C-alpha cells in the first residue's frame, strides 16, 4: 500500500505533467495557420444556482484570435473559483480549425495529453474512498476540480462534411437489483431524513417505498435513470450514416479541414415546453428516478 506522501507526490507530479503538455500544445497550435475559431462563453454558476432548474442558458460568441485565446485558456481551466460552484463545473464549447504541415505532431501531443489525464484519474480513483480522494487531491493540488482535469481534448484530422453544436439532455444510469434497491431505501430511512418533513413522516414515506419494491419479482432488473443538466455537444458528420458526437466541455480541434466544411454555431438554450421524443415514465420511486430496466 502506497503511503499518503507518495500518493500526494504522484498526484502533484502527474498533474504538472498534464499542464506541461497542455502548455506545449498551446505553443504548437499557436504556430499553425488559424483557419477558423469560435468560442461560446457560458454563464458561470454560483453555489446558489446548483439546485435551480435550468430553463435558459445564454451564449456569448467570440470569433477569430479572441476566440482562439479563450479556447487555449479553457484547456487550463482546472481550479475552483471563489463564490462559483465546484459541483456544476463550467464547460467551454468552441472550435479551433488549423492548417498544419505536420498534423501528426499535433495529433500526437493531444493523445499524450489525454493519456496523461487518464493516468492522473487512475492514480486518484485508486487512492481509496471519496473522503480519501478528496483529502489527497486538495493537499496535493489545492482547489483542483478533478473532473476538469480529467476532461479529454477531442480532435479530428479527417475533414468532415460539417461540425455543429447542439444542446443535449443526458441521464446518469445506475443498474441495480431488487435487493440493492431495498438496501438503498434502508440507508435512506436511516440517514436520508429530509429537512422539509419531520422524521416520522419521512420514515412512513420510505416504508411505503419499500413495500412498493417488495411487491416486484426478485429477478426484476431495476435502474436509476437520473437526468443530468443540459450540456453542449459537438456533432461531427461525414455523411448520413457516418457521424458521431462528443462532449463540448473543451474546445474541439480540427486539423487540416477542407474549405467547404460547414461550421455550425451554439445557440442560446431554451428548455422546450414538451420534448417531442420524451416518453411518459412510470417510476417505482419518483424521488430516486427508480424504474424497471425494460
C-alpha atoms as a PDB file:
ATOM      1  CA  UNK A   1       0.000   0.000   0.000  1.00  0.00           C
ATOM      2  CA  UNK A   2       1.485   3.312  -1.069  1.00  0.00           C
ATOM      3  CA  UNK A   3       1.836   5.867   1.751  1.00  0.00           C
ATOM      4  CA  UNK A   4      -0.020   9.187   1.616  1.00  0.00           C
ATOM      5  CA  UNK A   5       3.156  11.195   0.954  1.00  0.00           C
ATOM      6  CA  UNK A   6       3.991   9.048  -2.066  1.00  0.00           C
ATOM      7  CA  UNK A   7       0.431   9.375  -3.399  1.00  0.00           C
ATOM      8  CA  UNK A   8       0.497  13.125  -2.897  1.00  0.00           C
ATOM      9  CA  UNK A   9       3.798  13.340  -4.781  1.00  0.00           C
ATOM     10  CA  UNK A  10       2.435  11.180  -7.607  1.00  0.00           C
ATOM     11  CA  UNK A  11      -0.713  13.291  -7.986  1.00  0.00           C
ATOM     12  CA  UNK A  12       1.232  16.552  -7.985  1.00  0.00           C
ATOM     13  CA  UNK A  13       3.841  15.221 -10.414  1.00  0.00           C
ATOM     14  CA  UNK A  14       1.268  13.797 -12.817  1.00  0.00           C
ATOM     15  CA  UNK A  15      -0.805  16.980 -12.715  1.00  0.00           C
ATOM     16  CA  UNK A  16       2.292  19.031 -13.519  1.00  0.00           C
ATOM     17  CA  UNK A  17       2.923  16.649 -16.415  1.00  0.00           C
ATOM     18  CA  UNK A  18      -0.613  17.289 -17.717  1.00  0.00           C
ATOM     19  CA  UNK A  19      -0.258  21.077 -17.516  1.00  0.00           C
ATOM     20  CA  UNK A  20       3.196  20.994 -19.105  1.00  0.00           C
ATOM     21  CA  UNK A  21       1.889  19.000 -22.067  1.00  0.00           C
ATOM     22  CA  UNK A  22      -1.098  21.329 -22.460  1.00  0.00           C
ATOM     23  CA  UNK A  23       1.139  24.399 -22.456  1.00  0.00           C
ATOM     24  CA  UNK A  24       3.318  22.738 -25.088  1.00  0.00           C
ATOM     25  CA  UNK A  25       0.214  22.062 -27.206  1.00  0.00           C
ATOM     26  CA  UNK A  26      -0.820  25.711 -26.930  1.00  0.00           C
ATOM     27  CA  UNK A  27       2.621  26.788 -28.178  1.00  0.00           C
ATOM     28  CA  UNK A  28       2.433  24.315 -31.050  1.00  0.00           C
ATOM     29  CA  UNK A  29      -1.063  25.197 -32.251  1.00  0.00           C
ATOM     30  CA  UNK A  30      -0.201  28.900 -31.962  1.00  0.00           C
ATOM     31  CA  UNK A  31       2.485  28.293 -34.592  1.00  0.00           C
ATOM     32  CA  UNK A  32      -0.018  26.861 -37.101  1.00  0.00           C
ATOM     33  CA  UNK A  33      -2.183  28.792 -39.534  1.00  0.00           C
ATOM     34  CA  UNK A  34      -5.544  29.549 -37.929  1.00  0.00           C
ATOM     35  CA  UNK A  35      -8.400  28.866 -40.366  1.00  0.00           C
ATOM     36  CA  UNK A  36     -11.400  29.212 -38.085  1.00  0.00           C
ATOM     37  CA  UNK A  37     -12.025  29.794 -34.381  1.00  0.00           C
ATOM     38  CA  UNK A  38     -15.161  30.177 -32.298  1.00  0.00           C
ATOM     39  CA  UNK A  39     -15.620  30.202 -28.543  1.00  0.00           C
ATOM     40  CA  UNK A  40     -19.031  30.140 -26.888  1.00  0.00           C
ATOM     41  CA  UNK A  41     -18.903  31.583 -23.399  1.00  0.00           C
ATOM     42  CA  UNK A  42     -21.493  30.176 -20.987  1.00  0.00           C
ATOM     43  CA  UNK A  43     -22.677  31.798 -17.737  1.00  0.00           C
ATOM     44  CA  UNK A  44     -20.740  30.927 -14.599  1.00  0.00           C
ATOM     45  CA  UNK A  45     -22.693  29.035 -11.955  1.00  0.00           C
ATOM     46  CA  UNK A  46     -22.680  30.035  -8.294  1.00  0.00           C
ATOM     47  CA  UNK A  47     -23.270  27.638  -5.409  1.00  0.00           C
ATOM     48  CA  UNK A  48     -26.762  29.135  -5.103  1.00  0.00           C
ATOM     49  CA  UNK A  49     -27.529  28.113  -8.709  1.00  0.00           C
ATOM     50  CA  UNK A  50     -26.755  24.416  -8.189  1.00  0.00           C
ATOM     51  CA  UNK A  51     -30.287  23.280  -7.383  1.00  0.00           C
ATOM     52  CA  UNK A  52     -32.155  25.615  -9.718  1.00  0.00           C
ATOM     53  CA  UNK A  53     -33.951  24.197 -12.733  1.00  0.00           C
ATOM     54  CA  UNK A  54     -32.308  25.412 -15.935  1.00  0.00           C
ATOM     55  CA  UNK A  55     -34.798  26.895 -18.392  1.00  0.00           C
ATOM     56  CA  UNK A  56     -32.495  29.192 -20.362  1.00  0.00           C
ATOM     57  CA  UNK A  57     -28.743  29.454 -20.971  1.00  0.00           C
ATOM     58  CA  UNK A  58     -27.377  32.473 -22.774  1.00  0.00           C
ATOM     59  CA  UNK A  59     -24.374  32.079 -25.069  1.00  0.00           C
ATOM     60  CA  UNK A  60     -21.820  34.806 -25.748  1.00  0.00           C
ATOM     61  CA  UNK A  61     -19.963  34.045 -29.003  1.00  0.00           C
ATOM     62  CA  UNK A  62     -16.395  35.087 -29.857  1.00  0.00           C
ATOM     63  CA  UNK A  63     -14.532  34.614 -33.121  1.00  0.00           C
ATOM     64  CA  UNK A  64     -11.042  34.917 -34.602  1.00  0.00           C
ATOM     65  CA  UNK A  65      -7.969  35.500 -32.438  1.00  0.00           C
ATOM     66  CA  UNK A  66     -10.038  36.372 -29.357  1.00  0.00           C
ATOM     67  CA  UNK A  67     -11.843  33.026 -29.649  1.00  0.00           C
ATOM     68  CA  UNK A  68      -8.524  31.231 -30.142  1.00  0.00           C
ATOM     69  CA  UNK A  69      -7.085  32.783 -26.955  1.00  0.00           C
ATOM     70  CA  UNK A  70     -10.191  31.880 -24.966  1.00  0.00           C
ATOM     71  CA  UNK A  71     -10.069  28.307 -26.266  1.00  0.00           C
ATOM     72  CA  UNK A  72      -6.434  27.998 -25.218  1.00  0.00           C
ATOM     73  CA  UNK A  73      -7.223  29.379 -21.755  1.00  0.00           C
ATOM     74  CA  UNK A  74     -10.045  26.823 -21.445  1.00  0.00           C
ATOM     75  CA  UNK A  75      -7.578  23.936 -21.713  1.00  0.00           C
ATOM     76  CA  UNK A  76      -6.004  25.136 -18.445  1.00  0.00           C
ATOM     77  CA  UNK A  77      -9.230  25.813 -16.527  1.00  0.00           C
ATOM     78  CA  UNK A  78      -8.830  23.395 -13.605  1.00  0.00           C
ATOM     79  CA  UNK A  79      -9.443  25.291 -10.373  1.00  0.00           C
ATOM     80  CA  UNK A  80     -12.437  26.185  -8.262  1.00  0.00           C
ATOM     81  CA  UNK A  81     -13.028  29.916  -8.191  1.00  0.00           C
ATOM     82  CA  UNK A  82     -14.344  31.891  -5.240  1.00  0.00           C
ATOM     83  CA  UNK A  83     -18.149  32.002  -4.982  1.00  0.00           C
ATOM     84  CA  UNK A  84     -18.585  29.737  -8.016  1.00  0.00           C
ATOM     85  CA  UNK A  85     -19.963  26.217  -7.943  1.00  0.00           C
ATOM     86  CA  UNK A  86     -17.472  23.384  -7.620  1.00  0.00           C
ATOM     87  CA  UNK A  87     -20.156  20.817  -8.392  1.00  0.00           C
ATOM     88  CA  UNK A  88     -21.557  22.238 -11.622  1.00  0.00           C
ATOM     89  CA  UNK A  89     -18.352  22.896 -13.497  1.00  0.00           C
ATOM     90  CA  UNK A  90     -18.052  25.288 -16.395  1.00  0.00           C
ATOM     91  CA  UNK A  91     -17.988  23.964 -19.945  1.00  0.00           C
ATOM     92  CA  UNK A  92     -16.037  25.530 -22.770  1.00  0.00           C
ATOM     93  CA  UNK A  93     -17.677  24.845 -26.138  1.00  0.00           C
ATOM     94  CA  UNK A  94     -15.556  26.045 -29.022  1.00  0.00           C
ATOM     95  CA  UNK A  95     -13.647  25.035 -32.109  1.00  0.00           C
ATOM     96  CA  UNK A  96     -10.158  25.659 -33.429  1.00  0.00           C
ATOM     97  CA  UNK A  97      -9.538  24.765 -37.091  1.00  0.00           C
ATOM     98  CA  UNK A  98      -5.871  24.699 -38.111  1.00  0.00           C
ATOM     99  CA  UNK A  99      -3.785  24.228 -41.212  1.00  0.00           C
ATOM    100  CA  UNK A 100      -0.660  22.259 -40.344  1.00  0.00           C
ATOM    101  CA  UNK A 101       2.161  20.802 -42.425  1.00  0.00           C
ATOM    102  CA  UNK A 102       2.870  18.298 -39.648  1.00  0.00           C
ATOM    103  CA  UNK A 103      -0.579  17.271 -38.373  1.00  0.00           C
ATOM    104  CA  UNK A 104       0.819  14.093 -36.826  1.00  0.00           C
ATOM    105  CA  UNK A 105       2.711  16.214 -34.277  1.00  0.00           C
ATOM    106  CA  UNK A 106      -0.486  17.942 -33.114  1.00  0.00           C
ATOM    107  CA  UNK A 107      -2.325  14.619 -33.013  1.00  0.00           C
ATOM    108  CA  UNK A 108       0.485  13.010 -31.027  1.00  0.00           C
ATOM    109  CA  UNK A 109       0.528  15.860 -28.496  1.00  0.00           C
ATOM    110  CA  UNK A 110      -3.236  15.683 -27.915  1.00  0.00           C
ATOM    111  CA  UNK A 111      -3.023  11.913 -27.449  1.00  0.00           C
ATOM    112  CA  UNK A 112      -0.167  12.459 -24.970  1.00  0.00           C
ATOM    113  CA  UNK A 113      -2.308  14.907 -23.005  1.00  0.00           C
ATOM    114  CA  UNK A 114      -5.316  12.608 -22.910  1.00  0.00           C
ATOM    115  CA  UNK A 115      -3.149   9.683 -21.823  1.00  0.00           C
ATOM    116  CA  UNK A 116      -1.618  11.797 -19.044  1.00  0.00           C
ATOM    117  CA  UNK A 117      -5.093  12.907 -17.922  1.00  0.00           C
ATOM    118  CA  UNK A 118      -6.272   9.300 -17.825  1.00  0.00           C
ATOM    119  CA  UNK A 119      -3.229   8.324 -15.757  1.00  0.00           C
ATOM    120  CA  UNK A 120      -3.940  11.164 -13.317  1.00  0.00           C
ATOM    121  CA  UNK A 121      -7.519   9.926 -12.968  1.00  0.00           C
ATOM    122  CA  UNK A 122      -6.302   6.373 -12.379  1.00  0.00           C
ATOM    123  CA  UNK A 123      -3.956   7.485  -9.569  1.00  0.00           C
ATOM    124  CA  UNK A 124      -6.708   9.455  -7.837  1.00  0.00           C
ATOM    125  CA  UNK A 125      -9.533   6.920  -8.283  1.00  0.00           C
ATOM    126  CA  UNK A 126      -7.370   4.120  -6.878  1.00  0.00           C
ATOM    127  CA  UNK A 127      -6.471   6.147  -3.791  1.00  0.00           C
ATOM    128  CA  UNK A 128      -9.463   4.982  -1.716  1.00  0.00           C
ATOM    129  CA  UNK A 129     -12.963   6.164  -0.868  1.00  0.00           C
ATOM    130  CA  UNK A 130     -14.405   9.609  -1.572  1.00  0.00           C
ATOM    131  CA  UNK A 131     -13.019  11.170   1.594  1.00  0.00           C
ATOM    132  CA  UNK A 132      -9.535   9.774   0.994  1.00  0.00           C
ATOM    133  CA  UNK A 133      -9.534  11.009  -2.600  1.00  0.00           C
ATOM    134  CA  UNK A 134     -10.765  14.451  -1.570  1.00  0.00           C
ATOM    135  CA  UNK A 135      -8.053  14.822   1.077  1.00  0.00           C
ATOM    136  CA  UNK A 136      -5.381  13.569  -1.314  1.00  0.00           C
ATOM    137  CA  UNK A 137      -6.291  15.878  -4.194  1.00  0.00           C
ATOM    138  CA  UNK A 138      -6.725  19.012  -2.133  1.00  0.00           C
ATOM    139  CA  UNK A 139      -3.479  18.528  -0.268  1.00  0.00           C
ATOM    140  CA  UNK A 140      -1.574  17.790  -3.490  1.00  0.00           C
ATOM    141  CA  UNK A 141      -3.202  20.436  -5.727  1.00  0.00           C
ATOM    142  CA  UNK A 142      -5.372  22.839  -3.681  1.00  0.00           C
ATOM    143  CA  UNK A 143      -8.685  23.899  -5.300  1.00  0.00           C
ATOM    144  CA  UNK A 144      -8.292  21.436  -8.172  1.00  0.00           C
ATOM    145  CA  UNK A 145     -11.591  20.299  -9.715  1.00  0.00           C
ATOM    146  CA  UNK A 146     -10.738  16.768 -10.732  1.00  0.00           C
ATOM    147  CA  UNK A 147     -13.471  16.468 -13.376  1.00  0.00           C
ATOM    148  CA  UNK A 148     -11.939  19.449 -15.160  1.00  0.00           C
ATOM    149  CA  UNK A 149      -8.511  17.831 -15.057  1.00  0.00           C
ATOM    150  CA  UNK A 150      -9.913  14.540 -16.404  1.00  0.00           C
ATOM    151  CA  UNK A 151     -11.580  16.077 -19.478  1.00  0.00           C
ATOM    152  CA  UNK A 152     -10.112  14.755 -22.708  1.00  0.00           C
ATOM    153  CA  UNK A 153      -9.402  17.054 -25.642  1.00  0.00           C
ATOM    154  CA  UNK A 154     -11.287  15.890 -28.732  1.00  0.00           C
ATOM    155  CA  UNK A 155      -9.905  16.399 -32.224  1.00  0.00           C
ATOM    156  CA  UNK A 156     -10.327  15.307 -35.823  1.00  0.00           C
ATOM    157  CA  UNK A 157      -7.834  15.167 -38.683  1.00  0.00           C
ATOM    158  CA  UNK A 158     -10.198  13.674 -41.278  1.00  0.00           C
ATOM    159  CA  UNK A 159     -12.097  16.581 -42.798  1.00  0.00           C
ATOM    160  CA  UNK A 160     -15.866  16.172 -42.138  1.00  0.00           C
ATOM    161  CA  UNK A 161     -18.845  17.430 -44.096  1.00  0.00           C
ATOM    162  CA  UNK A 162     -19.964  19.517 -41.116  1.00  0.00           C
ATOM    163  CA  UNK A 163     -19.201  20.248 -37.493  1.00  0.00           C
ATOM    164  CA  UNK A 164     -22.037  21.678 -35.473  1.00  0.00           C
ATOM    165  CA  UNK A 165     -23.093  22.302 -31.883  1.00  0.00           C
ATOM    166  CA  UNK A 166     -26.225  21.333 -30.037  1.00  0.00           C
ATOM    167  CA  UNK A 167     -27.622  21.012 -26.527  1.00  0.00           C
ATOM    168  CA  UNK A 168     -28.136  17.530 -25.147  1.00  0.00           C
ATOM    169  CA  UNK A 169     -30.076  16.192 -22.182  1.00  0.00           C
ATOM    170  CA  UNK A 170     -28.306  13.161 -20.745  1.00  0.00           C
ATOM    171  CA  UNK A 171     -29.095  10.726 -17.971  1.00  0.00           C
ATOM    172  CA  UNK A 172     -26.910   9.192 -15.300  1.00  0.00           C
ATOM    173  CA  UNK A 173     -27.822   5.497 -15.225  1.00  0.00           C
ATOM    174  CA  UNK A 174     -27.117   3.021 -12.429  1.00  0.00           C
ATOM    175  CA  UNK A 175     -28.285  -0.601 -12.681  1.00  0.00           C
ATOM    176  CA  UNK A 176     -29.345  -2.447  -9.538  1.00  0.00           C
ATOM    177  CA  UNK A 177     -31.258  -5.492  -8.296  1.00  0.00           C
ATOM    178  CA  UNK A 178     -34.322  -5.633  -6.062  1.00  0.00           C
ATOM    179  CA  UNK A 179     -32.008  -6.361  -3.114  1.00  0.00           C
ATOM    180  CA  UNK A 180     -29.840  -3.347  -3.981  1.00  0.00           C
ATOM    181  CA  UNK A 181     -32.911  -1.113  -4.099  1.00  0.00           C
ATOM    182  CA  UNK A 182     -34.109  -2.291  -0.680  1.00  0.00           C
ATOM    183  CA  UNK A 183     -30.633  -1.708   0.798  1.00  0.00           C
ATOM    184  CA  UNK A 184     -30.655   1.785  -0.680  1.00  0.00           C
ATOM    185  CA  UNK A 185     -34.006   2.509   0.936  1.00  0.00           C
ATOM    186  CA  UNK A 186     -32.854   1.109   4.297  1.00  0.00           C
ATOM    187  CA  UNK A 187     -29.936   3.540   4.226  1.00  0.00           C
ATOM    188  CA  UNK A 188     -32.248   6.320   3.110  1.00  0.00           C
ATOM    189  CA  UNK A 189     -34.567   5.645   6.031  1.00  0.00           C
ATOM    190  CA  UNK A 190     -31.681   5.916   8.494  1.00  0.00           C
ATOM    191  CA  UNK A 191     -29.509   8.643   7.014  1.00  0.00           C
ATOM    192  CA  UNK A 192     -31.638  10.463   4.460  1.00  0.00           C
ATOM    193  CA  UNK A 193     -34.074  12.380   6.645  1.00  0.00           C
ATOM    194  CA  UNK A 194     -35.376  15.343   4.686  1.00  0.00           C
ATOM    195  CA  UNK A 195     -35.314  18.777   6.308  1.00  0.00           C
ATOM    196  CA  UNK A 196     -38.665  19.514   4.679  1.00  0.00           C
ATOM    197  CA  UNK A 197     -40.699  16.956   6.602  1.00  0.00           C
ATOM    198  CA  UNK A 198     -40.413  15.506  10.119  1.00  0.00           C
ATOM    199  CA  UNK A 199     -38.681  12.219  10.893  1.00  0.00           C
ATOM    200  CA  UNK A 200     -41.875  10.185  11.346  1.00  0.00           C
ATOM    201  CA  UNK A 201     -43.340  11.338   8.043  1.00  0.00           C
ATOM    202  CA  UNK A 202     -40.031  10.581   6.342  1.00  0.00           C
ATOM    203  CA  UNK A 203     -39.905   7.040   7.739  1.00  0.00           C
ATOM    204  CA  UNK A 204     -43.506   6.428   6.681  1.00  0.00           C
ATOM    205  CA  UNK A 205     -42.660   7.575   3.151  1.00  0.00           C
ATOM    206  CA  UNK A 206     -39.661   5.248   2.937  1.00  0.00           C
ATOM    207  CA  UNK A 207     -41.685   2.326   4.326  1.00  0.00           C
ATOM    208  CA  UNK A 208     -44.273   2.855   1.585  1.00  0.00           C
ATOM    209  CA  UNK A 209     -41.482   2.870  -0.998  1.00  0.00           C
ATOM    210  CA  UNK A 210     -40.026  -0.358   0.427  1.00  0.00           C
ATOM    211  CA  UNK A 211     -43.420  -2.070   0.145  1.00  0.00           C
ATOM    212  CA  UNK A 212     -43.584  -0.930  -3.471  1.00  0.00           C
ATOM    213  CA  UNK A 213     -40.209  -2.557  -4.212  1.00  0.00           C
ATOM    214  CA  UNK A 214     -41.010  -5.678  -2.159  1.00  0.00           C
ATOM    215  CA  UNK A 215     -44.041  -6.347  -4.374  1.00  0.00           C
ATOM    216  CA  UNK A 216     -41.993  -6.896  -7.535  1.00  0.00           C
ATOM    217  CA  UNK A 217     -40.298 -10.134  -8.593  1.00  0.00           C
ATOM    218  CA  UNK A 218     -36.889 -10.964  -7.096  1.00  0.00           C
ATOM    219  CA  UNK A 219     -35.480 -11.346 -10.602  1.00  0.00           C
ATOM    220  CA  UNK A 220     -36.643  -7.896 -11.732  1.00  0.00           C
ATOM    221  CA  UNK A 221     -33.865  -5.669 -13.072  1.00  0.00           C
ATOM    222  CA  UNK A 222     -34.014  -2.045 -11.974  1.00  0.00           C
ATOM    223  CA  UNK A 223     -32.209   1.154 -12.768  1.00  0.00           C
ATOM    224  CA  UNK A 224     -31.879   4.682 -11.508  1.00  0.00           C
ATOM    225  CA  UNK A 225     -32.122   6.942 -14.550  1.00  0.00           C
ATOM    226  CA  UNK A 226     -31.406  10.372 -13.174  1.00  0.00           C
ATOM    227  CA  UNK A 227     -31.483  13.365 -15.548  1.00  0.00           C
ATOM    228  CA  UNK A 228     -28.342  15.487 -15.574  1.00  0.00           C
ATOM    229  CA  UNK A 229     -28.027  19.130 -16.525  1.00  0.00           C
ATOM    230  CA  UNK A 230     -28.274  20.003 -20.187  1.00  0.00           C
ATOM    231  CA  UNK A 231     -24.828  20.268 -21.778  1.00  0.00           C
ATOM    232  CA  UNK A 232     -23.331  21.346 -25.120  1.00  0.00           C
ATOM    233  CA  UNK A 233     -22.196  18.722 -27.620  1.00  0.00           C
ATOM    234  CA  UNK A 234     -20.124  18.766 -30.807  1.00  0.00           C
ATOM    235  CA  UNK A 235     -21.644  16.866 -33.729  1.00  0.00           C
ATOM    236  CA  UNK A 236     -19.209  15.707 -36.427  1.00  0.00           C
ATOM    237  CA  UNK A 237     -20.817  14.477 -39.643  1.00  0.00           C
ATOM    238  CA  UNK A 238     -19.254  12.871 -42.710  1.00  0.00           C
ATOM    239  CA  UNK A 239     -22.455  11.599 -44.316  1.00  0.00           C
ATOM    240  CA  UNK A 240     -25.914  10.430 -43.287  1.00  0.00           C
ATOM    241  CA  UNK A 241     -24.579   7.231 -41.686  1.00  0.00           C
ATOM    242  CA  UNK A 242     -21.073   8.257 -40.638  1.00  0.00           C
ATOM    243  CA  UNK A 243     -21.386  10.720 -37.806  1.00  0.00           C
ATOM    244  CA  UNK A 244     -20.640  10.976 -34.103  1.00  0.00           C
ATOM    245  CA  UNK A 245     -20.862  13.412 -31.222  1.00  0.00           C
ATOM    246  CA  UNK A 246     -18.616  14.228 -28.273  1.00  0.00           C
ATOM    247  CA  UNK A 247     -18.819  16.496 -25.260  1.00  0.00           C
ATOM    248  CA  UNK A 248     -18.141  20.186 -25.828  1.00  0.00           C
ATOM    249  CA  UNK A 249     -16.732  20.570 -22.319  1.00  0.00           C
ATOM    250  CA  UNK A 250     -13.485  21.665 -24.001  1.00  0.00           C
ATOM    251  CA  UNK A 251     -12.870  23.240 -27.416  1.00  0.00           C
ATOM    252  CA  UNK A 252     -12.685  20.833 -30.355  1.00  0.00           C
ATOM    253  CA  UNK A 253      -9.557  20.906 -32.544  1.00  0.00           C
ATOM    254  CA  UNK A 254      -9.962  20.317 -36.288  1.00  0.00           C
ATOM    255  CA  UNK A 255      -6.745  19.738 -38.236  1.00  0.00           C
ATOM    256  CA  UNK A 256      -6.452  20.487 -41.965  1.00  0.00           C
ATOM    257  CA  UNK A 257     -10.148  20.753 -42.813  1.00  0.00           C
ATOM    258  CA  UNK A 258     -11.260  21.236 -46.392  1.00  0.00           C
ATOM    259  CA  UNK A 259     -12.513  24.653 -47.463  1.00  0.00           C
ATOM    260  CA  UNK A 260     -16.139  23.536 -47.818  1.00  0.00           C
ATOM    261  CA  UNK A 261     -16.598  22.270 -44.234  1.00  0.00           C
ATOM    262  CA  UNK A 262     -19.837  23.631 -42.787  1.00  0.00           C
ATOM    263  CA  UNK A 263     -19.463  25.140 -39.310  1.00  0.00           C
ATOM    264  CA  UNK A 264     -22.467  25.465 -37.037  1.00  0.00           C
ATOM    265  CA  UNK A 265     -22.992  27.745 -34.048  1.00  0.00           C
ATOM    266  CA  UNK A 266     -24.079  27.117 -30.479  1.00  0.00           C
ATOM    267  CA  UNK A 267     -27.338  28.961 -29.928  1.00  0.00           C
ATOM    268  CA  UNK A 268     -28.921  30.018 -26.658  1.00  0.00           C
ATOM    269  CA  UNK A 269     -30.592  27.140 -24.831  1.00  0.00           C
ATOM    270  CA  UNK A 270     -34.317  27.421 -24.183  1.00  0.00           C
ATOM    271  CA  UNK A 271     -35.949  24.469 -22.467  1.00  0.00           C
ATOM    272  CA  UNK A 272     -38.826  23.133 -24.603  1.00  0.00           C
ATOM    273  CA  UNK A 273     -42.264  23.009 -23.027  1.00  0.00           C
ATOM    274  CA  UNK A 274     -42.738  19.437 -24.245  1.00  0.00           C
ATOM    275  CA  UNK A 275     -39.948  17.317 -25.627  1.00  0.00           C
ATOM    276  CA  UNK A 276     -41.182  15.738 -28.891  1.00  0.00           C
ATOM    277  CA  UNK A 277     -39.475  12.383 -28.198  1.00  0.00           C
ATOM    278  CA  UNK A 278     -39.979  12.233 -24.451  1.00  0.00           C
ATOM    279  CA  UNK A 279     -41.958   9.212 -23.308  1.00  0.00           C
ATOM    280  CA  UNK A 280     -44.103   9.013 -20.225  1.00  0.00           C
ATOM    281  CA  UNK A 281     -42.058   7.415 -17.436  1.00  0.00           C
ATOM    282  CA  UNK A 282     -43.664   5.388 -14.679  1.00  0.00           C
ATOM    283  CA  UNK A 283     -41.237   5.419 -11.770  1.00  0.00           C
ATOM    284  CA  UNK A 284     -41.355   2.867  -8.977  1.00  0.00           C
ATOM    285  CA  UNK A 285     -39.880   5.613  -6.779  1.00  0.00           C
ATOM    286  CA  UNK A 286     -40.085   9.023  -8.384  1.00  0.00           C
ATOM    287  CA  UNK A 287     -37.771  10.884  -5.993  1.00  0.00           C
ATOM    288  CA  UNK A 288     -34.951   8.428  -6.841  1.00  0.00           C
ATOM    289  CA  UNK A 289     -35.816   8.150 -10.556  1.00  0.00           C
ATOM    290  CA  UNK A 290     -36.022   4.384  -9.927  1.00  0.00           C
ATOM    291  CA  UNK A 291     -37.692   2.382 -12.680  1.00  0.00           C
ATOM    292  CA  UNK A 292     -37.775  -1.091 -14.191  1.00  0.00           C
ATOM    293  CA  UNK A 293     -34.925  -1.715 -16.610  1.00  0.00           C
ATOM    294  CA  UNK A 294     -37.059  -2.870 -19.503  1.00  0.00           C
END
